[in-house]
C-alpha atoms as a PDB file:
ATOM      1  CA  MET A   1       5.458 -15.334  -3.438  1.00  0.00           C
ATOM      2  CA  GLU A   2       3.851 -14.566  -0.140  1.00  0.00           C
ATOM      3  CA  TYR A   3       3.863 -10.935   0.998  1.00  0.00           C
ATOM      4  CA  PRO A   4       3.650  -9.944   4.645  1.00  0.00           C
ATOM      5  CA  GLU A   5       0.092  -9.523   5.839  1.00  0.00           C
ATOM      6  CA  ARG A   6       0.738  -5.755   6.375  1.00  0.00           C
ATOM      7  CA  TRP A   7       3.521  -3.331   5.751  1.00  0.00           C
ATOM      8  CA  LEU A   8       3.777   0.427   5.776  1.00  0.00           C
ATOM      9  CA  ALA A   9       3.944   1.690   2.212  1.00  0.00           C
ATOM     10  CA  GLY A  10       3.390   5.407   2.922  1.00  0.00           C
ATOM     11  CA  TYR A  11       1.977   8.015   5.232  1.00  0.00           C
ATOM     12  CA  ALA A  12       0.916  11.611   5.407  1.00  0.00           C
ATOM     13  CA  VAL A  13       0.782  14.022   8.318  1.00  0.00           C
ATOM     14  CA  VAL A  14      -2.376  16.135   8.461  1.00  0.00           C
ATOM     15  CA  HIS A  15      -3.918  18.368  11.121  1.00  0.00           C
ATOM     16  CA  ALA A  16      -7.660  18.582  11.711  1.00  0.00           C
ATOM     17  CA  GLY A  17      -9.717  20.299  14.348  1.00  0.00           C
ATOM     18  CA  PRO A  18     -12.696  18.700  16.089  1.00  0.00           C
ATOM     19  CA  GLY A  19     -15.365  17.711  13.493  1.00  0.00           C
ATOM     20  CA  GLU A  20     -13.160  18.831  10.627  1.00  0.00           C
ATOM     21  CA  THR A  21     -12.598  16.622   7.583  1.00  0.00           C
ATOM     22  CA  VAL A  22      -9.325  16.711   5.712  1.00  0.00           C
ATOM     23  CA  THR A  23      -8.059  14.906   2.608  1.00  0.00           C
ATOM     24  CA  ALA A  24      -4.571  13.387   2.429  1.00  0.00           C
ATOM     25  CA  GLN A  25      -2.778  11.933  -0.490  1.00  0.00           C
ATOM     26  CA  VAL A  26      -0.359   9.047   0.121  1.00  0.00           C
ATOM     27  CA  PRO A  27       1.615   8.065  -2.945  1.00  0.00           C
ATOM     28  CA  VAL A  28       2.724   4.392  -2.997  1.00  0.00           C
ATOM     29  CA  PRO A  29       5.720   3.999  -5.337  1.00  0.00           C
ATOM     30  CA  ALA A  30       5.476   0.884  -7.561  1.00  0.00           C
ATOM     31  CA  ARG A  31       8.875  -0.324  -6.290  1.00  0.00           C
ATOM     32  CA  LEU A  32       7.357  -0.977  -2.894  1.00  0.00           C
ATOM     33  CA  LEU A  33       5.140  -3.683  -4.402  1.00  0.00           C
ATOM     34  CA  ARG A  34       8.085  -5.623  -5.814  1.00  0.00           C
ATOM     35  CA  HIS A  35      10.100  -8.577  -4.530  1.00  0.00           C
ATOM     36  CA  TRP A  36      13.322 -10.154  -5.655  1.00  0.00           C
ATOM     37  CA  ASP A  37      12.723 -13.149  -7.918  1.00  0.00           C
ATOM     38  CA  GLU A  38      15.702 -15.434  -7.348  1.00  0.00           C
ATOM     39  CA  ARG A  39      15.004 -17.633 -10.386  1.00  0.00           C
ATOM     40  CA  ALA A  40      14.583 -14.725 -12.768  1.00  0.00           C
ATOM     41  CA  GLY A  41      17.381 -12.682 -11.174  1.00  0.00           C
ATOM     42  CA  ARG A  42      15.302  -9.505 -11.155  1.00  0.00           C
ATOM     43  CA  TRP A  43      12.673  -7.514  -9.168  1.00  0.00           C
ATOM     44  CA  ARG A  44       9.052  -8.486  -9.941  1.00  0.00           C
ATOM     45  CA  THR A  45       5.554  -7.480  -9.049  1.00  0.00           C
ATOM     46  CA  GLU A  46       3.050 -10.318  -8.628  1.00  0.00           C
ATOM     47  CA  PRO A  47      -0.126  -9.837 -10.602  1.00  0.00           C
ATOM     48  CA  GLY A  48      -3.479 -10.041  -8.877  1.00  0.00           C
ATOM     49  CA  PRO A  49      -5.422  -8.451  -6.051  1.00  0.00           C
ATOM     50  CA  CYS A  50      -3.695  -6.204  -3.477  1.00  0.00           C
ATOM     51  CA  ARG A  51      -5.534  -4.924  -0.434  1.00  0.00           C
ATOM     52  CA  VAL A  52      -4.859  -1.343   0.608  1.00  0.00           C
ATOM     53  CA  LEU A  53      -5.790  -0.298   4.195  1.00  0.00           C
ATOM     54  CA  ALA A  54      -5.781   3.273   5.468  1.00  0.00           C
ATOM     55  CA  GLY A  55      -6.515   4.905   8.799  1.00  0.00           C
ATOM     56  CA  ARG A  56      -5.130   6.835  11.779  1.00  0.00           C
ATOM     57  CA  SER A  57      -2.967   3.996  13.066  1.00  0.00           C
ATOM     58  CA  ALA A  58      -2.236   0.287  12.639  1.00  0.00           C
ATOM     59  CA  GLY A  59      -5.067  -0.430  15.080  1.00  0.00           C
ATOM     60  CA  ASP A  60      -7.566   1.871  13.333  1.00  0.00           C
ATOM     61  CA  LEU A  61      -7.834   1.087   9.616  1.00  0.00           C
ATOM     62  CA  PRO A  62     -11.427   1.799   8.571  1.00  0.00           C
ATOM     63  CA  LEU A  63     -10.668   2.534   4.946  1.00  0.00           C
ATOM     64  CA  ARG A  64     -10.154  -0.477   2.607  1.00  0.00           C
ATOM     65  CA  LEU A  65      -9.587  -0.819  -1.106  1.00  0.00           C
ATOM     66  CA  GLU A  66      -8.658  -3.761  -3.296  1.00  0.00           C
ATOM     67  CA  VAL A  67      -6.700  -3.026  -6.487  1.00  0.00           C
ATOM     68  CA  ASP A  68      -5.775  -5.484  -9.206  1.00  0.00           C
ATOM     69  CA  LEU A  69      -2.057  -5.207  -9.852  1.00  0.00           C
ATOM     70  CA  GLN A  70      -1.107  -5.406 -13.536  1.00  0.00           C
ATOM     71  CA  PRO A  71       2.712  -5.396 -13.537  1.00  0.00           C
ATOM     72  CA  ARG A  72       4.652  -3.974 -16.390  1.00  0.00           C
ATOM     73  CA  ASP A  73       7.954  -5.602 -15.605  1.00  0.00           C
END
């Protein structure tokens, strides 16, 4: 299964003044990492690495994290 290169899985709205640092939490529900498996007739999550990008906009994604998906389906 090939996933799109990028898709929006969540977002948060925060307000910060000049020079101010804020922390935002963006939950990503597990169901957003699933796809329909036609052969199995059910939703599945592919195991393996998944890259998570975060930033102010699609053109500014300085934060990167790779997680290893271990599906429980």
